Amino acid sequence: MRESQQSCSGANPIVGAPYPKPNGEATIPFAERLTCSVAEACAASGLGRTKLYELIAEERVATTTIGRRRLVLVRSLRSLLLRDL
């Protein structure tokens, strides 16, 4: 493993642990990312796809669309989940 890579400890990605790529390599900590896919948002938050799309429709979670790809704004997801802390 190269120095620039970090191992994923299985810690909660919402509070800043590295989020693993499908091949097992770690990337930037989740909390520092600008966007994530809907699947990554579901995995990080513990929410199901249907509930996440409901929250998007209610404008409680912000997204952006680039081409046909919908990306969830991480700061929006974090503010929804961490507002009671």
Protein backbone atom coordinates (compact mmCIF):
# COMPACT_ATOMS: atom_id res chain seq x y z
CA MET A 1 0.00 0.00 0.00
CA ARG A 2 1.36 3.43 -0.95
CA GLU A 3 1.85 6.18 1.62
CA SER A 4 -0.91 8.33 0.12
CA GLN A 5 -3.45 5.57 0.65
CA GLN A 6 -5.13 4.93 3.96
CA SER A 7 -6.76 1.76 5.15
CA CYS A 8 -10.45 1.80 5.95
CA SER A 9 -10.98 1.10 9.62
CA GLY A 10 -14.72 0.61 9.30
CA ALA A 11 -15.38 3.79 11.29
CA ASN A 12 -18.42 5.94 10.61
CA PRO A 13 -17.86 7.71 7.26
CA ILE A 14 -20.23 10.56 8.13
CA VAL A 15 -17.81 11.92 10.72
CA GLY A 16 -14.72 11.79 8.57
CA ALA A 17 -13.25 8.30 8.23
CA PRO A 18 -11.90 7.44 4.77
CA TYR A 19 -14.62 6.12 2.48
CA PRO A 20 -13.51 2.96 0.62
CA LYS A 21 -13.57 2.61 -3.15
CA PRO A 22 -15.05 -0.63 -4.51
CA ASN A 23 -11.51 -2.00 -4.98
CA GLY A 24 -10.73 -1.46 -1.29
CA GLU A 25 -8.54 1.65 -1.63
CA ALA A 26 -9.39 4.60 0.60
CA THR A 27 -10.15 8.04 -0.83
CA ILE A 28 -10.63 11.45 0.74
CA PRO A 29 -12.50 11.29 4.05
CA PHE A 30 -16.23 11.30 3.38
CA ALA A 31 -16.84 14.49 5.37
CA GLU A 32 -14.36 16.37 3.14
CA ARG A 33 -15.97 15.33 -0.14
CA LEU A 34 -18.23 17.75 -1.98
CA THR A 35 -20.56 15.12 -3.42
CA CYS A 36 -21.28 11.41 -3.38
CA SER A 37 -23.48 9.02 -5.32
CA VAL A 38 -26.92 8.05 -4.06
CA ALA A 39 -25.58 4.56 -3.27
CA GLU A 40 -22.70 6.05 -1.23
CA ALA A 41 -25.12 8.35 0.60
CA CYS A 42 -27.28 5.33 1.48
CA ALA A 43 -24.28 3.36 2.73
CA ALA A 44 -22.89 6.28 4.75
CA SER A 45 -26.19 7.28 6.34
CA GLY A 46 -27.87 3.93 6.80
CA LEU A 47 -30.90 5.18 4.88
CA GLY A 48 -32.58 3.16 2.16
CA ARG A 49 -32.80 4.41 -1.43
CA THR A 50 -36.53 5.05 -1.20
CA LYS A 51 -36.21 7.16 1.96
CA LEU A 52 -33.26 9.08 0.54
CA TYR A 53 -35.23 9.89 -2.62
CA GLU A 54 -38.16 11.01 -0.41
CA LEU A 55 -35.84 13.38 1.45
CA ILE A 56 -34.53 14.66 -1.88
CA ALA A 57 -38.11 15.28 -3.10
CA GLU A 58 -38.88 17.13 0.16
CA GLU A 59 -35.72 19.21 -0.46
CA ARG A 60 -34.26 18.13 2.88
CA VAL A 61 -31.22 16.68 1.06
CA ALA A 62 -29.67 18.73 -1.75
CA THR A 63 -28.47 17.15 -4.96
CA THR A 64 -27.04 18.20 -8.28
CA THR A 65 -27.35 16.47 -11.62
CA ILE A 66 -24.50 16.31 -14.10
CA GLY A 67 -25.63 14.66 -17.29
CA ARG A 68 -27.79 11.78 -16.11
CA ARG A 69 -25.91 11.29 -12.86
CA ARG A 70 -27.44 12.55 -9.60
CA LEU A 71 -24.94 13.50 -6.92
CA VAL A 72 -25.82 14.15 -3.28
CA LEU A 73 -24.18 17.17 -1.65
CA VAL A 74 -22.32 15.75 1.34
CA ARG A 75 -22.75 18.90 3.44
CA SER A 76 -26.52 18.61 2.99
CA LEU A 77 -26.53 14.96 4.05
CA ARG A 78 -24.28 15.72 7.05
CA SER A 79 -26.44 18.64 8.18
CA LEU A 80 -29.56 16.46 8.01
CA LEU A 81 -27.99 13.67 10.04
CA LEU A 82 -25.93 15.71 12.49
CA ARG A 83 -28.39 18.52 13.30
CA ASP A 84 -29.35 17.02 16.66
CA LEU A 85 -25.76 16.67 17.90
